[in-house]
């Protein structure tokens, strides 16, 4: 799984202005921040370690 721009604010590497612009944009758009937070939480619930460790354990158990 990957995080898209609905879940993360992408910035240009090694570009402090890009980071500053992203921070200001999120500051000015609380509804976007809220939506991104909700989307990130959904993705983490699905793909974060607590969920994925179950998949890995089942895979290893099946292999044994």
N, C-alpha and C. Protein backbone atom coordinates (compact mmCIF):
# COMPACT_ATOMS: atom_id res chain seq x y z
N UNK A 1 0.84 -1.19 0.00
CA UNK A 1 0.00 0.00 0.00
C UNK A 1 0.88 1.24 0.00
N UNK A 2 0.35 2.27 -0.50
CA UNK A 2 1.10 3.52 -0.47
C UNK A 2 0.17 4.65 -0.05
N UNK A 3 0.76 5.68 0.43
CA UNK A 3 0.00 6.85 0.83
C UNK A 3 -0.06 7.81 -0.35
N UNK A 4 -1.25 8.30 -0.64
CA UNK A 4 -1.40 9.25 -1.74
C UNK A 4 -1.60 10.65 -1.17
N UNK A 5 -1.85 11.61 -2.04
CA UNK A 5 -1.96 12.99 -1.55
C UNK A 5 -3.26 13.26 -0.81
N UNK A 6 -4.11 12.24 -0.66
CA UNK A 6 -5.27 12.37 0.23
C UNK A 6 -4.88 12.10 1.67
N UNK A 7 -3.68 11.54 1.86
CA UNK A 7 -3.25 11.16 3.20
C UNK A 7 -1.97 11.87 3.64
N UNK A 8 -1.24 12.41 2.72
CA UNK A 8 0.07 12.97 3.05
C UNK A 8 0.32 14.21 2.20
N UNK A 9 1.00 15.17 2.76
CA UNK A 9 1.38 16.36 1.99
C UNK A 9 2.79 16.13 1.47
N UNK A 10 2.91 15.96 0.19
CA UNK A 10 4.21 15.72 -0.42
C UNK A 10 4.93 17.05 -0.62
N UNK A 11 6.24 17.01 -0.45
CA UNK A 11 7.08 18.19 -0.67
C UNK A 11 8.26 17.79 -1.54
N UNK A 12 8.86 18.79 -2.14
CA UNK A 12 10.05 18.56 -2.96
C UNK A 12 11.25 18.33 -2.03
N UNK A 13 11.98 17.24 -2.22
CA UNK A 13 13.14 16.99 -1.37
C UNK A 13 14.15 18.14 -1.43
N UNK A 14 14.77 18.39 -0.31
CA UNK A 14 15.81 19.42 -0.20
C UNK A 14 15.32 20.81 -0.60
N UNK A 15 14.03 21.05 -0.41
CA UNK A 15 13.46 22.35 -0.76
C UNK A 15 12.68 22.89 0.45
N UNK A 16 13.34 23.68 1.29
CA UNK A 16 12.66 24.21 2.48
C UNK A 16 11.41 25.02 2.15
N UNK A 17 11.41 25.70 1.03
CA UNK A 17 10.23 26.49 0.67
C UNK A 17 9.04 25.58 0.38
N UNK A 18 9.29 24.45 -0.24
CA UNK A 18 8.23 23.48 -0.50
C UNK A 18 7.62 22.99 0.81
N UNK A 19 8.47 22.71 1.79
CA UNK A 19 7.99 22.28 3.11
C UNK A 19 7.18 23.40 3.77
N UNK A 20 7.70 24.60 3.72
CA UNK A 20 7.00 25.75 4.32
C UNK A 20 5.64 25.95 3.65
N UNK A 21 5.60 25.86 2.34
CA UNK A 21 4.34 26.02 1.61
C UNK A 21 3.32 24.96 2.03
N UNK A 22 3.78 23.72 2.19
CA UNK A 22 2.88 22.64 2.59
C UNK A 22 2.33 22.88 4.00
N UNK A 23 3.19 23.34 4.90
CA UNK A 23 2.76 23.61 6.27
C UNK A 23 1.73 24.73 6.29
N UNK A 24 2.00 25.80 5.58
CA UNK A 24 1.07 26.93 5.53
C UNK A 24 -0.25 26.50 4.90
N UNK A 25 -0.18 25.71 3.84
CA UNK A 25 -1.40 25.24 3.19
C UNK A 25 -2.27 24.43 4.16
N UNK A 26 -1.64 23.54 4.90
CA UNK A 26 -2.41 22.75 5.87
C UNK A 26 -2.94 23.62 7.01
N UNK A 27 -2.17 24.59 7.42
CA UNK A 27 -2.62 25.52 8.45
C UNK A 27 -3.86 26.28 7.99
N UNK A 28 -3.87 26.68 6.76
CA UNK A 28 -4.97 27.50 6.23
C UNK A 28 -6.21 26.67 5.86
N UNK A 29 -6.08 25.36 5.79
CA UNK A 29 -7.19 24.51 5.38
C UNK A 29 -7.45 23.40 6.40
N UNK A 30 -8.09 23.77 7.51
CA UNK A 30 -8.33 22.77 8.56
C UNK A 30 -9.18 21.60 8.09
N UNK A 31 -10.08 21.83 7.15
CA UNK A 31 -10.90 20.73 6.64
C UNK A 31 -10.04 19.72 5.88
N UNK A 32 -9.04 20.19 5.17
CA UNK A 32 -8.12 19.29 4.48
C UNK A 32 -7.28 18.51 5.49
N UNK A 33 -6.80 19.21 6.53
CA UNK A 33 -6.04 18.52 7.59
C UNK A 33 -6.86 17.41 8.20
N UNK A 34 -8.11 17.70 8.50
CA UNK A 34 -8.99 16.71 9.12
C UNK A 34 -9.20 15.52 8.18
N UNK A 35 -9.46 15.79 6.92
CA UNK A 35 -9.67 14.72 5.95
C UNK A 35 -8.40 13.87 5.78
N UNK A 36 -7.26 14.53 5.75
CA UNK A 36 -6.00 13.79 5.62
C UNK A 36 -5.75 12.92 6.85
N UNK A 37 -6.05 13.46 8.02
CA UNK A 37 -5.88 12.69 9.25
C UNK A 37 -6.76 11.45 9.25
N UNK A 38 -7.99 11.62 8.82
CA UNK A 38 -8.92 10.47 8.76
C UNK A 38 -8.44 9.44 7.75
N UNK A 39 -7.99 9.89 6.59
CA UNK A 39 -7.52 8.97 5.55
C UNK A 39 -6.26 8.23 6.01
N UNK A 40 -5.35 8.95 6.65
CA UNK A 40 -4.15 8.31 7.15
C UNK A 40 -4.48 7.26 8.20
N UNK A 41 -5.43 7.57 9.08
CA UNK A 41 -5.84 6.61 10.11
C UNK A 41 -6.44 5.36 9.46
N UNK A 42 -7.23 5.54 8.41
CA UNK A 42 -7.80 4.38 7.69
C UNK A 42 -6.69 3.51 7.10
N UNK A 43 -5.73 4.14 6.46
CA UNK A 43 -4.63 3.40 5.85
C UNK A 43 -3.78 2.70 6.90
N UNK A 44 -3.53 3.38 8.01
CA UNK A 44 -2.73 2.76 9.05
C UNK A 44 -3.46 1.57 9.65
N UNK A 45 -4.76 1.69 9.85
CA UNK A 45 -5.54 0.57 10.40
C UNK A 45 -5.44 -0.65 9.48
N UNK A 46 -5.36 -0.42 8.20
CA UNK A 46 -5.30 -1.50 7.22
C UNK A 46 -3.88 -2.01 7.00
N UNK A 47 -2.90 -1.11 6.98
CA UNK A 47 -1.56 -1.49 6.56
C UNK A 47 -0.48 -1.31 7.63
N UNK A 48 -0.83 -0.79 8.77
CA UNK A 48 0.15 -0.60 9.84
C UNK A 48 0.56 -1.93 10.45
N UNK A 49 1.58 -1.88 11.29
CA UNK A 49 2.12 -3.10 11.87
C UNK A 49 1.09 -3.94 12.62
N UNK A 50 0.21 -3.36 13.43
CA UNK A 50 -0.75 -4.22 14.14
C UNK A 50 -1.58 -5.12 13.21
N UNK A 51 -1.95 -4.60 12.05
CA UNK A 51 -2.72 -5.41 11.10
C UNK A 51 -1.80 -6.33 10.29
N UNK A 52 -0.66 -5.82 9.87
CA UNK A 52 0.22 -6.59 9.01
C UNK A 52 0.94 -7.73 9.73
N UNK A 53 1.17 -7.58 11.04
CA UNK A 53 1.85 -8.68 11.74
C UNK A 53 1.00 -9.94 11.70
N UNK A 54 -0.34 -9.78 11.70
CA UNK A 54 -1.23 -10.95 11.59
C UNK A 54 -1.03 -11.65 10.25
N UNK A 55 -0.89 -10.87 9.20
CA UNK A 55 -0.66 -11.42 7.87
C UNK A 55 0.68 -12.16 7.84
N UNK A 56 1.73 -11.53 8.38
CA UNK A 56 3.05 -12.16 8.38
C UNK A 56 3.07 -13.45 9.21
N UNK A 57 2.44 -13.42 10.37
CA UNK A 57 2.42 -14.61 11.22
C UNK A 57 1.69 -15.75 10.52
N UNK A 58 0.55 -15.46 9.90
CA UNK A 58 -0.18 -16.51 9.17
C UNK A 58 0.66 -17.07 8.03
N UNK A 59 1.38 -16.20 7.34
CA UNK A 59 2.23 -16.64 6.24
C UNK A 59 3.33 -17.57 6.74
N UNK A 60 4.00 -17.18 7.82
CA UNK A 60 5.06 -18.02 8.37
C UNK A 60 4.51 -19.32 8.94
N UNK A 61 3.37 -19.27 9.59
CA UNK A 61 2.77 -20.49 10.12
C UNK A 61 2.42 -21.45 8.99
N UNK A 62 1.91 -20.92 7.91
CA UNK A 62 1.56 -21.76 6.75
C UNK A 62 2.82 -22.39 6.15
N UNK A 63 3.91 -21.64 6.16
CA UNK A 63 5.16 -22.16 5.60
C UNK A 63 5.79 -23.24 6.46
N UNK A 64 5.50 -23.21 7.74
CA UNK A 64 6.06 -24.21 8.64
C UNK A 64 5.24 -25.46 8.56
